[in-house]
């Protein structure tokens, strides 16, 4: 009797071990197989813009690399607040990711609580530095001359923001003015419907300066209608080798502009982050991606997950400085 009981106990124990081993194997396979189904990429911008274009370049190559569809979903409502919020609130399973870009103005203006803790950063892949430009017939030949005039003539200079004020182009320049001891509120900031209408206002004499990227002004620069004075980058732009950096022009090593990164919601599994980071780096270094980005005039910058996390903190410090200097902070950031 005891022998039969022992046999039954042994058989039961072996079965339990087999079930546990099977479950562990299934779990391991499931984790290793990500992605097992299509992945959604939220783009907090409308179709046809720069963020959408770069996201679709990545999505195509991600699908080729990981053998699953990466579907771009545009959510540009409320100037990108809706898309950024939905990325941050997605289920952290790796099947909803997104493209993030300068977001901290939503926090500082009191529209949301978005900050670096709202995302799991995966990789930074693009940086388009802001630049200061004037019309070709402007009295200002250099950035030093323009900045000296601003300092000596408060309220006399009108600067197009190259879009909505308090954004990727004007805030970095406001931060530079602060570092130079110039109150940016002495500059009349003029919003526009984007860089293109802002540049037209510049060449027509409606404003004296504009903050926008060099690629956006390239056609008018080539036509000798716009003169770029400096670019807020650590190195001169390859297509514009004669344009000095902020450090060369002012002595301040100041950078800033539009950037784009791949991110997910908080709590994204480490294995998903690792797989995406490795895959994105391969894509970023590929000739196909590099050539496509350059042909469209997009800047190339790479940072892994850890370095992107540090970059987001830098972004928040710079935006805080710029918006505070402009008097645009509606409440203290948490």
C-alpha atoms as a PDB file:
ATOM      1  CA  UNK A   1       0.000   0.000   0.000  1.00  0.00           C
ATOM      2  CA  UNK A   2       2.784   2.360   0.997  1.00  0.00           C
ATOM      3  CA  UNK A   3       4.667   1.471  -2.189  1.00  0.00           C
ATOM      4  CA  UNK A   4       1.700   2.454  -4.370  1.00  0.00           C
ATOM      5  CA  UNK A   5       1.291   5.713  -2.461  1.00  0.00           C
ATOM      6  CA  UNK A   6       4.965   6.528  -2.931  1.00  0.00           C
ATOM      7  CA  UNK A   7       4.719   5.772  -6.620  1.00  0.00           C
ATOM      8  CA  UNK A   8       1.682   8.008  -6.981  1.00  0.00           C
ATOM      9  CA  UNK A   9       3.493  10.809  -5.099  1.00  0.00           C
ATOM     10  CA  UNK A  10       6.568  10.443  -7.308  1.00  0.00           C
ATOM     11  CA  UNK A  11       4.499  10.442 -10.503  1.00  0.00           C
ATOM     12  CA  UNK A  12       2.569  13.514  -9.311  1.00  0.00           C
ATOM     13  CA  UNK A  13       5.741  15.362  -8.405  1.00  0.00           C
ATOM     14  CA  UNK A  14       7.302  14.565 -11.751  1.00  0.00           C
ATOM     15  CA  UNK A  15       4.188  15.816 -13.521  1.00  0.00           C
ATOM     16  CA  UNK A  16       4.271  19.058 -11.526  1.00  0.00           C
ATOM     17  CA  UNK A  17       7.922  19.559 -12.397  1.00  0.00           C
ATOM     18  CA  UNK A  18       7.150  18.924 -16.061  1.00  0.00           C
ATOM     19  CA  UNK A  19       4.311  21.454 -16.035  1.00  0.00           C
ATOM     20  CA  UNK A  20       6.508  24.052 -14.335  1.00  0.00           C
ATOM     21  CA  UNK A  21       9.340  23.437 -16.786  1.00  0.00           C
ATOM     22  CA  UNK A  22       6.933  23.717 -19.696  1.00  0.00           C
ATOM     23  CA  UNK A  23       5.521  26.989 -18.366  1.00  0.00           C
ATOM     24  CA  UNK A  24       9.029  28.363 -17.868  1.00  0.00           C
ATOM     25  CA  UNK A  25       9.973  27.368 -21.406  1.00  0.00           C
ATOM     26  CA  UNK A  26       6.861  29.010 -22.835  1.00  0.00           C
ATOM     27  CA  UNK A  27       7.552  32.163 -20.818  1.00  0.00           C
ATOM     28  CA  UNK A  28      11.171  32.291 -21.982  1.00  0.00           C
ATOM     29  CA  UNK A  29      10.197  31.778 -25.625  1.00  0.00           C
ATOM     30  CA  UNK A  30       7.504  34.465 -25.358  1.00  0.00           C
ATOM     31  CA  UNK A  31       9.954  36.994 -23.952  1.00  0.00           C
ATOM     32  CA  UNK A  32      12.642  36.160 -26.483  1.00  0.00           C
ATOM     33  CA  UNK A  33      10.190  36.369 -29.386  1.00  0.00           C
ATOM     34  CA  UNK A  34       9.167  40.020 -28.985  1.00  0.00           C
ATOM     35  CA  UNK A  35       7.584  41.341 -31.118  1.00  0.00           C
ATOM     36  CA  UNK A  36       5.091  38.550 -31.771  1.00  0.00           C
ATOM     37  CA  UNK A  37       2.465  40.847 -33.293  1.00  0.00           C
ATOM     38  CA  UNK A  38       2.235  44.305 -34.899  1.00  0.00           C
ATOM     39  CA  UNK A  39       3.633  47.293 -32.993  1.00  0.00           C
ATOM     40  CA  UNK A  40       2.000  50.730 -32.981  1.00  0.00           C
ATOM     41  CA  UNK A  41       4.219  53.797 -33.312  1.00  0.00           C
ATOM     42  CA  UNK A  42       2.417  56.929 -32.089  1.00  0.00           C
ATOM     43  CA  UNK A  43       3.573  60.105 -33.843  1.00  0.00           C
ATOM     44  CA  UNK A  44       2.457  63.282 -31.996  1.00  0.00           C
ATOM     45  CA  UNK A  45       2.272  65.203 -35.274  1.00  0.00           C
ATOM     46  CA  UNK A  46       0.214  65.272 -38.434  1.00  0.00           C
ATOM     47  CA  UNK A  47       0.970  63.304 -41.579  1.00  0.00           C
ATOM     48  CA  UNK A  48       3.496  64.794 -43.969  1.00  0.00           C
ATOM     49  CA  UNK A  49       5.638  66.697 -41.463  1.00  0.00           C
ATOM     50  CA  UNK A  50       9.198  66.016 -40.391  1.00  0.00           C
ATOM     51  CA  UNK A  51       8.337  63.857 -37.393  1.00  0.00           C
ATOM     52  CA  UNK A  52       5.974  61.767 -39.496  1.00  0.00           C
ATOM     53  CA  UNK A  53       8.571  61.386 -42.266  1.00  0.00           C
ATOM     54  CA  UNK A  54      11.345  60.213 -39.957  1.00  0.00           C
ATOM     55  CA  UNK A  55       8.973  57.877 -38.115  1.00  0.00           C
ATOM     56  CA  UNK A  56       7.947  56.199 -41.362  1.00  0.00           C
ATOM     57  CA  UNK A  57      11.596  55.752 -42.365  1.00  0.00           C
ATOM     58  CA  UNK A  58      12.213  53.975 -39.073  1.00  0.00           C
ATOM     59  CA  UNK A  59       8.990  51.955 -39.219  1.00  0.00           C
ATOM     60  CA  UNK A  60       9.838  50.529 -42.635  1.00  0.00           C
ATOM     61  CA  UNK A  61      13.262  49.332 -41.541  1.00  0.00           C
ATOM     62  CA  UNK A  62      12.017  48.108 -38.156  1.00  0.00           C
ATOM     63  CA  UNK A  63       9.517  45.924 -39.987  1.00  0.00           C
ATOM     64  CA  UNK A  64      12.278  44.555 -42.212  1.00  0.00           C
ATOM     65  CA  UNK A  65      14.537  43.872 -39.237  1.00  0.00           C
ATOM     66  CA  UNK A  66      12.021  42.472 -36.728  1.00  0.00           C
ATOM     67  CA  UNK A  67       9.579  40.785 -39.150  1.00  0.00           C
ATOM     68  CA  UNK A  68       6.469  42.427 -37.744  1.00  0.00           C
ATOM     69  CA  UNK A  69       4.486  45.457 -38.951  1.00  0.00           C
ATOM     70  CA  UNK A  70       5.308  48.755 -37.239  1.00  0.00           C
ATOM     71  CA  UNK A  71       2.231  50.886 -37.848  1.00  0.00           C
ATOM     72  CA  UNK A  72       2.506  54.681 -37.647  1.00  0.00           C
ATOM     73  CA  UNK A  73      -0.507  56.388 -36.046  1.00  0.00           C
ATOM     74  CA  UNK A  74      -0.591  60.197 -36.242  1.00  0.00           C
ATOM     75  CA  UNK A  75      -1.894  62.004 -33.150  1.00  0.00           C
ATOM     76  CA  UNK A  76      -0.934  65.634 -33.611  1.00  0.00           C
ATOM     77  CA  UNK A  77      -3.895  67.150 -31.767  1.00  0.00           C
ATOM     78  CA  UNK A  78      -3.198  69.991 -29.288  1.00  0.00           C
ATOM     79  CA  UNK A  79       0.232  70.633 -30.823  1.00  0.00           C
ATOM     80  CA  UNK A  80       1.378  67.117 -29.954  1.00  0.00           C
ATOM     81  CA  UNK A  81       0.132  66.985 -26.369  1.00  0.00           C
ATOM     82  CA  UNK A  82      -2.381  64.241 -27.183  1.00  0.00           C
ATOM     83  CA  UNK A  83       0.200  61.972 -28.793  1.00  0.00           C
ATOM     84  CA  UNK A  84       2.802  62.459 -26.061  1.00  0.00           C
ATOM     85  CA  UNK A  85       0.182  61.786 -23.387  1.00  0.00           C
ATOM     86  CA  UNK A  86      -0.985  58.598 -25.102  1.00  0.00           C
ATOM     87  CA  UNK A  87       2.588  57.323 -25.401  1.00  0.00           C
ATOM     88  CA  UNK A  88       3.130  57.910 -21.686  1.00  0.00           C
ATOM     89  CA  UNK A  89      -0.148  56.188 -20.741  1.00  0.00           C
ATOM     90  CA  UNK A  90       0.155  53.160 -23.051  1.00  0.00           C
ATOM     91  CA  UNK A  91       0.314  49.635 -21.702  1.00  0.00           C
ATOM     92  CA  UNK A  92       4.018  48.888 -21.053  1.00  0.00           C
ATOM     93  CA  UNK A  93       4.164  45.662 -23.051  1.00  0.00           C
ATOM     94  CA  UNK A  94       6.241  46.892 -25.988  1.00  0.00           C
ATOM     95  CA  UNK A  95       3.384  46.983 -28.478  1.00  0.00           C
ATOM     96  CA  UNK A  96       2.750  50.734 -28.256  1.00  0.00           C
ATOM     97  CA  UNK A  97       5.806  52.939 -28.660  1.00  0.00           C
ATOM     98  CA  UNK A  98       6.199  56.439 -30.040  1.00  0.00           C
ATOM     99  CA  UNK A  99       8.295  59.303 -31.282  1.00  0.00           C
ATOM    100  CA  UNK A 100       8.848  62.073 -28.754  1.00  0.00           C
ATOM    101  CA  UNK A 101      10.230  65.550 -29.399  1.00  0.00           C
ATOM    102  CA  UNK A 102      10.488  68.714 -27.236  1.00  0.00           C
ATOM    103  CA  UNK A 103       7.626  68.222 -24.778  1.00  0.00           C
ATOM    104  CA  UNK A 104       8.467  70.125 -21.599  1.00  0.00           C
ATOM    105  CA  UNK A 105       6.616  73.285 -22.631  1.00  0.00           C
ATOM    106  CA  UNK A 106       3.393  71.383 -21.913  1.00  0.00           C
ATOM    107  CA  UNK A 107       4.500  71.000 -18.295  1.00  0.00           C
ATOM    108  CA  UNK A 108       5.814  74.533 -17.828  1.00  0.00           C
ATOM    109  CA  UNK A 109       2.708  76.099 -19.372  1.00  0.00           C
ATOM    110  CA  UNK A 110       0.459  74.138 -17.018  1.00  0.00           C
ATOM    111  CA  UNK A 111      -1.088  71.918 -19.707  1.00  0.00           C
ATOM    112  CA  UNK A 112       0.190  68.604 -18.333  1.00  0.00           C
ATOM    113  CA  UNK A 113       2.562  66.926 -15.903  1.00  0.00           C
ATOM    114  CA  UNK A 114       4.716  65.355 -18.632  1.00  0.00           C
ATOM    115  CA  UNK A 115       8.391  65.042 -17.767  1.00  0.00           C
ATOM    116  CA  UNK A 116      11.246  62.554 -18.230  1.00  0.00           C
ATOM    117  CA  UNK A 117       9.587  60.080 -15.836  1.00  0.00           C
ATOM    118  CA  UNK A 118       6.597  59.890 -18.201  1.00  0.00           C
ATOM    119  CA  UNK A 119       8.624  57.858 -20.732  1.00  0.00           C
ATOM    120  CA  UNK A 120      11.053  54.996 -21.124  1.00  0.00           C
ATOM    121  CA  UNK A 121      13.688  56.452 -23.468  1.00  0.00           C
ATOM    122  CA  UNK A 122      15.010  54.053 -26.111  1.00  0.00           C
ATOM    123  CA  UNK A 123      17.125  56.068 -28.545  1.00  0.00           C
ATOM    124  CA  UNK A 124      17.692  59.592 -29.843  1.00  0.00           C
ATOM    125  CA  UNK A 125      18.111  59.573 -33.623  1.00  0.00           C
ATOM    126  CA  UNK A 126      17.718  63.135 -34.892  1.00  0.00           C
ATOM    127  CA  UNK A 127      18.779  66.666 -33.974  1.00  0.00           C
ATOM    128  CA  UNK A 128      18.079  69.763 -36.047  1.00  0.00           C
ATOM    129  CA  UNK A 129      19.762  72.723 -34.358  1.00  0.00           C
ATOM    130  CA  UNK A 130      18.166  76.137 -34.284  1.00  0.00           C
ATOM    131  CA  UNK A 131      19.882  78.962 -36.131  1.00  0.00           C
ATOM    132  CA  UNK A 132      19.694  82.732 -36.135  1.00  0.00           C
ATOM    133  CA  UNK A 133      19.225  84.284 -39.577  1.00  0.00           C
ATOM    134  CA  UNK A 134      18.566  87.721 -41.044  1.00  0.00           C
ATOM    135  CA  UNK A 135      17.584  88.982 -44.476  1.00  0.00           C
ATOM    136  CA  UNK A 136      20.421  89.278 -46.973  1.00  0.00           C
ATOM    137  CA  UNK A 137      20.067  93.068 -47.025  1.00  0.00           C
ATOM    138  CA  UNK A 138      20.193  93.321 -43.214  1.00  0.00           C
ATOM    139  CA  UNK A 139      22.612  95.694 -41.528  1.00  0.00           C
ATOM    140  CA  UNK A 140      23.811  92.768 -39.408  1.00  0.00           C
ATOM    141  CA  UNK A 141      26.729  90.898 -40.936  1.00  0.00           C
ATOM    142  CA  UNK A 142      27.575  88.790 -37.901  1.00  0.00           C
ATOM    143  CA  UNK A 143      25.866  87.366 -34.828  1.00  0.00           C
ATOM    144  CA  UNK A 144      27.995  89.649 -32.650  1.00  0.00           C
ATOM    145  CA  UNK A 145      26.586  92.721 -34.422  1.00  0.00           C
ATOM    146  CA  UNK A 146      23.008  91.473 -34.095  1.00  0.00           C
ATOM    147  CA  UNK A 147      23.354  90.642 -30.399  1.00  0.00           C
ATOM    148  CA  UNK A 148      25.047  93.950 -29.641  1.00  0.00           C
ATOM    149  CA  UNK A 149      22.132  95.790 -31.282  1.00  0.00           C
ATOM    150  CA  UNK A 150      19.597  93.774 -29.248  1.00  0.00           C
ATOM    151  CA  UNK A 151      21.449  94.629 -26.046  1.00  0.00           C
ATOM    152  CA  UNK A 152      21.641  98.340 -26.869  1.00  0.00           C
ATOM    153  CA  UNK A 153      18.116  98.696 -28.284  1.00  0.00           C
ATOM    154  CA  UNK A 154      15.510  96.946 -26.106  1.00  0.00           C
ATOM    155  CA  UNK A 155      12.214  96.410 -27.919  1.00  0.00           C
ATOM    156  CA  UNK A 156      13.583  97.413 -31.329  1.00  0.00           C
ATOM    157  CA  UNK A 157      14.127  93.942 -32.769  1.00  0.00           C
ATOM    158  CA  UNK A 158      11.301  91.726 -34.006  1.00  0.00           C
ATOM    159  CA  UNK A 159      12.194  88.042 -34.265  1.00  0.00           C
ATOM    160  CA  UNK A 160      10.029  85.407 -35.942  1.00  0.00           C
ATOM    161  CA  UNK A 161       9.769  82.270 -33.812  1.00  0.00           C
ATOM    162  CA  UNK A 162       9.711  80.121 -36.962  1.00  0.00           C
ATOM    163  CA  UNK A 163       6.404  78.719 -35.715  1.00  0.00           C
ATOM    164  CA  UNK A 164       4.584  79.109 -32.413  1.00  0.00           C
ATOM    165  CA  UNK A 165       6.632  81.006 -29.839  1.00  0.00           C
ATOM    166  CA  UNK A 166       7.940  78.949 -26.946  1.00  0.00           C
ATOM    167  CA  UNK A 167       8.995  76.134 -29.283  1.00  0.00           C
ATOM    168  CA  UNK A 168      12.017  74.319 -30.619  1.00  0.00           C
ATOM    169  CA  UNK A 169      13.536  77.260 -32.472  1.00  0.00           C
ATOM    170  CA  UNK A 170      13.092  80.366 -30.321  1.00  0.00           C
ATOM    171  CA  UNK A 171      13.510  78.867 -26.835  1.00  0.00           C
ATOM    172  CA  UNK A 172      17.123  77.744 -27.411  1.00  0.00           C
ATOM    173  CA  UNK A 173      17.964  81.246 -28.640  1.00  0.00           C
ATOM    174  CA  UNK A 174      16.234  82.754 -25.600  1.00  0.00           C
ATOM    175  CA  UNK A 175      18.401  80.528 -23.416  1.00  0.00           C
ATOM    176  CA  UNK A 176      21.519  81.767 -25.179  1.00  0.00           C
ATOM    177  CA  UNK A 177      20.466  85.391 -24.617  1.00  0.00           C
ATOM    178  CA  UNK A 178      20.098  84.649 -20.915  1.00  0.00           C
ATOM    179  CA  UNK A 179      23.610  83.198 -20.790  1.00  0.00           C
ATOM    180  CA  UNK A 180      24.890  86.346 -22.504  1.00  0.00           C
ATOM    181  CA  UNK A 181      23.187  88.571 -19.953  1.00  0.00           C
ATOM    182  CA  UNK A 182      20.494  89.810 -22.351  1.00  0.00           C
ATOM    183  CA  UNK A 183      16.856  89.798 -21.251  1.00  0.00           C
ATOM    184  CA  UNK A 184      15.044  87.912 -24.076  1.00  0.00           C
ATOM    185  CA  UNK A 185      11.855  89.806 -23.262  1.00  0.00           C
ATOM    186  CA  UNK A 186      13.490  92.844 -24.869  1.00  0.00           C
ATOM    187  CA  UNK A 187      13.091  91.027 -28.205  1.00  0.00           C
ATOM    188  CA  UNK A 188       9.621  91.164 -29.748  1.00  0.00           C
ATOM    189  CA  UNK A 189       8.847  87.501 -30.466  1.00  0.00           C
ATOM    190  CA  UNK A 190       6.507  87.083 -33.439  1.00  0.00           C
ATOM    191  CA  UNK A 191       4.672  83.768 -33.975  1.00  0.00           C
ATOM    192  CA  UNK A 192       4.091  82.385 -37.463  1.00  0.00           C
ATOM    193  CA  UNK A 193       2.439  79.449 -39.146  1.00  0.00           C
ATOM    194  CA  UNK A 194       5.833  77.731 -39.475  1.00  0.00           C
ATOM    195  CA  UNK A 195       9.319  78.421 -40.753  1.00  0.00           C
ATOM    196  CA  UNK A 196       8.206  79.027 -44.361  1.00  0.00           C
ATOM    197  CA  UNK A 197       5.824  81.939 -43.616  1.00  0.00           C
ATOM    198  CA  UNK A 198       8.270  83.238 -41.003  1.00  0.00           C
ATOM    199  CA  UNK A 199      11.040  83.361 -43.594  1.00  0.00           C
ATOM    200  CA  UNK A 200       8.781  85.171 -46.055  1.00  0.00           C
ATOM    201  CA  UNK A 201       8.035  87.729 -43.380  1.00  0.00           C
ATOM    202  CA  UNK A 202      11.781  88.102 -42.832  1.00  0.00           C
ATOM    203  CA  UNK A 203      12.624  88.778 -46.485  1.00  0.00           C
ATOM    204  CA  UNK A 204       9.680  91.167 -46.818  1.00  0.00           C
ATOM    205  CA  UNK A 205      10.900  93.235 -43.865  1.00  0.00           C
ATOM    206  CA  UNK A 206       8.157  92.313 -41.399  1.00  0.00           C
ATOM    207  CA  UNK A 207      10.749  91.089 -38.873  1.00  0.00           C
ATOM    208  CA  UNK A 208      14.476  91.662 -38.493  1.00  0.00           C
ATOM    209  CA  UNK A 209      15.511  88.127 -37.492  1.00  0.00           C
ATOM    210  CA  UNK A 210      14.221  84.575 -37.456  1.00  0.00           C
ATOM    211  CA  UNK A 211      14.872  81.481 -35.384  1.00  0.00           C
ATOM    212  CA  UNK A 212      14.594  78.319 -37.468  1.00  0.00           C
ATOM    213  CA  UNK A 213      16.752  75.486 -38.771  1.00  0.00           C
ATOM    214  CA  UNK A 214      19.256  75.890 -41.592  1.00  0.00           C
ATOM    215  CA  UNK A 215      17.588  73.264 -43.836  1.00  0.00           C
ATOM    216  CA  UNK A 216      14.306  75.180 -43.633  1.00  0.00           C
ATOM    217  CA  UNK A 217      16.068  78.333 -44.809  1.00  0.00           C
ATOM    218  CA  UNK A 218      18.296  76.546 -47.360  1.00  0.00           C
ATOM    219  CA  UNK A 219      16.432  77.608 -50.494  1.00  0.00           C
ATOM    220  CA  UNK A 220      16.429  81.290 -49.516  1.00  0.00           C
ATOM    221  CA  UNK A 221      20.058  81.077 -48.390  1.00  0.00           C
ATOM    222  CA  UNK A 222      21.005  79.637 -51.789  1.00  0.00           C
ATOM    223  CA  UNK A 223      19.032  82.412 -53.486  1.00  0.00           C
ATOM    224  CA  UNK A 224      20.995  85.015 -51.478  1.00  0.00           C
ATOM    225  CA  UNK A 225      17.865  86.314 -49.817  1.00  0.00           C
ATOM    226  CA  UNK A 226      18.651  85.109 -46.280  1.00  0.00           C
ATOM    227  CA  UNK A 227      21.926  85.307 -44.344  1.00  0.00           C
ATOM    228  CA  UNK A 228      22.474  82.801 -41.500  1.00  0.00           C
ATOM    229  CA  UNK A 229      24.505  84.268 -38.622  1.00  0.00           C
ATOM    230  CA  UNK A 230      25.051  81.271 -36.330  1.00  0.00           C
ATOM    231  CA  UNK A 231      23.839  77.764 -35.585  1.00  0.00           C
ATOM    232  CA  UNK A 232      23.216  76.377 -32.090  1.00  0.00           C
ATOM    233  CA  UNK A 233      25.245  73.220 -32.563  1.00  0.00           C
ATOM    234  CA  UNK A 234      28.509  71.819 -31.268  1.00  0.00           C
ATOM    235  CA  UNK A 235      29.890  71.618 -34.825  1.00  0.00           C
ATOM    236  CA  UNK A 236      29.321  73.519 -38.057  1.00  0.00           C
ATOM    237  CA  UNK A 237      26.707  72.028 -40.368  1.00  0.00           C
ATOM    238  CA  UNK A 238      28.118  70.034 -43.276  1.00  0.00           C
ATOM    239  CA  UNK A 239      25.878  71.763 -45.818  1.00  0.00           C
ATOM    240  CA  UNK A 240      26.606  75.206 -44.328  1.00  0.00           C
ATOM    241  CA  UNK A 241      30.317  75.173 -43.458  1.00  0.00           C
ATOM    242  CA  UNK A 242      30.570  78.976 -43.353  1.00  0.00           C
ATOM    243  CA  UNK A 243      27.987  79.400 -40.587  1.00  0.00           C
ATOM    244  CA  UNK A 244      29.711  79.640 -37.169  1.00  0.00           C
ATOM    245  CA  UNK A 245      28.508  77.796 -34.097  1.00  0.00           C
ATOM    246  CA  UNK A 246      27.228  79.683 -31.067  1.00  0.00           C
ATOM    247  CA  UNK A 247      30.517  79.066 -29.329  1.00  0.00           C
ATOM    248  CA  UNK A 248      32.478  80.511 -32.240  1.00  0.00           C
ATOM    249  CA  UNK A 249      30.133  83.480 -32.540  1.00  0.00           C
ATOM    250  CA  UNK A 250      29.553  84.320 -28.866  1.00  0.00           C
ATOM    251  CA  UNK A 251      31.994  82.338 -26.736  1.00  0.00           C
ATOM    252  CA  UNK A 252      29.093  80.350 -25.226  1.00  0.00           C
ATOM    253  CA  UNK A 253      28.946  76.629 -26.014  1.00  0.00           C
ATOM    254  CA  UNK A 254      25.171  76.599 -26.368  1.00  0.00           C
ATOM    255  CA  UNK A 255      23.173  74.039 -28.379  1.00  0.00           C
ATOM    256  CA  UNK A 256      19.488  73.463 -28.921  1.00  0.00           C
ATOM    257  CA  UNK A 257      16.742  72.925 -31.428  1.00  0.00           C
ATOM    258  CA  UNK A 258      14.345  70.255 -32.564  1.00  0.00           C
ATOM    259  CA  UNK A 259      15.103  66.640 -31.786  1.00  0.00           C
ATOM    260  CA  UNK A 260      13.341  63.307 -32.077  1.00  0.00           C
ATOM    261  CA  UNK A 261      13.644  60.108 -30.063  1.00  0.00           C
ATOM    262  CA  UNK A 262      11.949  56.725 -29.827  1.00  0.00           C
ATOM    263  CA  UNK A 263      10.381  56.050 -26.440  1.00  0.00           C
ATOM    264  CA  UNK A 264       7.737  54.022 -24.702  1.00  0.00           C
ATOM    265  CA  UNK A 265       5.633  54.324 -21.562  1.00  0.00           C
ATOM    266  CA  UNK A 266       7.188  53.966 -18.097  1.00  0.00           C
ATOM    267  CA  UNK A 267       7.934  50.386 -17.090  1.00  0.00           C
ATOM    268  CA  UNK A 268       8.787  49.116 -20.562  1.00  0.00           C
ATOM    269  CA  UNK A 269      10.396  45.648 -20.222  1.00  0.00           C
ATOM    270  CA  UNK A 270      14.219  45.793 -20.348  1.00  0.00           C
ATOM    271  CA  UNK A 271      14.318  43.120 -23.053  1.00  0.00           C
ATOM    272  CA  UNK A 272      12.104  45.272 -25.296  1.00  0.00           C
ATOM    273  CA  UNK A 273      14.324  48.304 -24.714  1.00  0.00           C
ATOM    274  CA  UNK A 274      17.449  46.252 -25.451  1.00  0.00           C
ATOM    275  CA  UNK A 275      16.018  44.752 -28.653  1.00  0.00           C
ATOM    276  CA  UNK A 276      14.799  48.104 -29.919  1.00  0.00           C
ATOM    277  CA  UNK A 277      18.025  49.885 -29.016  1.00  0.00           C
ATOM    278  CA  UNK A 278      20.187  47.343 -30.869  1.00  0.00           C
ATOM    279  CA  UNK A 279      17.886  47.320 -33.880  1.00  0.00           C
ATOM    280  CA  UNK A 280      17.568  51.092 -34.067  1.00  0.00           C
ATOM    281  CA  UNK A 281      21.323  51.536 -33.906  1.00  0.00           C
ATOM    282  CA  UNK A 282      21.754  49.135 -36.847  1.00  0.00           C
ATOM    283  CA  UNK A 283      19.120  51.061 -38.779  1.00  0.00           C
ATOM    284  CA  UNK A 284      20.591  54.452 -37.861  1.00  0.00           C
ATOM    285  CA  UNK A 285      24.056  53.419 -39.062  1.00  0.00           C
ATOM    286  CA  UNK A 286      22.760  51.924 -42.315  1.00  0.00           C
ATOM    287  CA  UNK A 287      23.444  53.701 -45.604  1.00  0.00           C
ATOM    288  CA  UNK A 288      19.730  53.556 -46.411  1.00  0.00           C
ATOM    289  CA  UNK A 289      18.701  55.537 -43.347  1.00  0.00           C
ATOM    290  CA  UNK A 290      21.630  57.959 -43.388  1.00  0.00           C
ATOM    291  CA  UNK A 291      21.119  58.815 -47.043  1.00  0.00           C
ATOM    292  CA  UNK A 292      17.353  59.179 -46.677  1.00  0.00           C
ATOM    293  CA  UNK A 293      17.740  61.540 -43.721  1.00  0.00           C
ATOM    294  CA  UNK A 294      20.368  63.666 -45.459  1.00  0.00           C
ATOM    295  CA  UNK A 295      18.369  63.895 -48.666  1.00  0.00           C
ATOM    296  CA  UNK A 296      15.458  65.289 -46.663  1.00  0.00           C
ATOM    297  CA  UNK A 297      17.684  67.713 -44.765  1.00  0.00           C
ATOM    298  CA  UNK A 298      17.306  66.070 -41.351  1.00  0.00           C
ATOM    299  CA  UNK A 299      20.184  66.159 -38.882  1.00  0.00           C
ATOM    300  CA  UNK A 300      21.629  62.900 -37.593  1.00  0.00           C
ATOM    301  CA  UNK A 301      22.436  62.317 -33.947  1.00  0.00           C
ATOM    302  CA  UNK A 302      22.593  59.022 -32.080  1.00  0.00           C
ATOM    303  CA  UNK A 303      22.227  58.355 -28.351  1.00  0.00           C
ATOM    304  CA  UNK A 304      21.450  55.068 -26.637  1.00  0.00           C
ATOM    305  CA  UNK A 305      18.790  54.619 -23.950  1.00  0.00           C
ATOM    306  CA  UNK A 306      20.988  55.732 -21.061  1.00  0.00           C
ATOM    307  CA  UNK A 307      22.321  58.795 -22.869  1.00  0.00           C
ATOM    308  CA  UNK A 308      18.848  59.713 -24.129  1.00  0.00           C
ATOM    309  CA  UNK A 309      17.620  59.709 -20.513  1.00  0.00           C
ATOM    310  CA  UNK A 310      20.341  62.249 -19.658  1.00  0.00           C
ATOM    311  CA  UNK A 311      19.434  64.249 -22.768  1.00  0.00           C
ATOM    312  CA  UNK A 312      15.800  64.535 -21.618  1.00  0.00           C
ATOM    313  CA  UNK A 313      16.944  66.052 -18.328  1.00  0.00           C
ATOM    314  CA  UNK A 314      19.066  68.551 -20.251  1.00  0.00           C
ATOM    315  CA  UNK A 315      16.065  69.401 -22.428  1.00  0.00           C
ATOM    316  CA  UNK A 316      13.960  70.127 -19.346  1.00  0.00           C
ATOM    317  CA  UNK A 317      16.627  72.376 -17.804  1.00  0.00           C
ATOM    318  CA  UNK A 318      17.049  74.347 -21.035  1.00  0.00           C
ATOM    319  CA  UNK A 319      13.308  74.746 -21.605  1.00  0.00           C
ATOM    320  CA  UNK A 320      12.862  75.870 -17.995  1.00  0.00           C
ATOM    321  CA  UNK A 321      15.537  78.528 -18.452  1.00  0.00           C
ATOM    322  CA  UNK A 322      14.103  79.730 -21.760  1.00  0.00           C
ATOM    323  CA  UNK A 323      10.441  79.845 -20.755  1.00  0.00           C
ATOM    324  CA  UNK A 324      11.254  81.419 -17.392  1.00  0.00           C
ATOM    325  CA  UNK A 325      13.273  84.119 -19.114  1.00  0.00           C
ATOM    326  CA  UNK A 326      10.382  84.790 -21.494  1.00  0.00           C
ATOM    327  CA  UNK A 327       7.853  84.904 -18.659  1.00  0.00           C
ATOM    328  CA  UNK A 328       5.961  81.934 -20.092  1.00  0.00           C
ATOM    329  CA  UNK A 329       5.973  79.613 -17.050  1.00  0.00           C
ATOM    330  CA  UNK A 330       2.470  79.373 -15.654  1.00  0.00           C
ATOM    331  CA  UNK A 331       3.411  77.290 -12.608  1.00  0.00           C
ATOM    332  CA  UNK A 332       6.481  75.670 -11.139  1.00  0.00           C
ATOM    333  CA  UNK A 333       7.351  72.252 -12.583  1.00  0.00           C
ATOM    334  CA  UNK A 334       6.823  69.399 -10.151  1.00  0.00           C
END
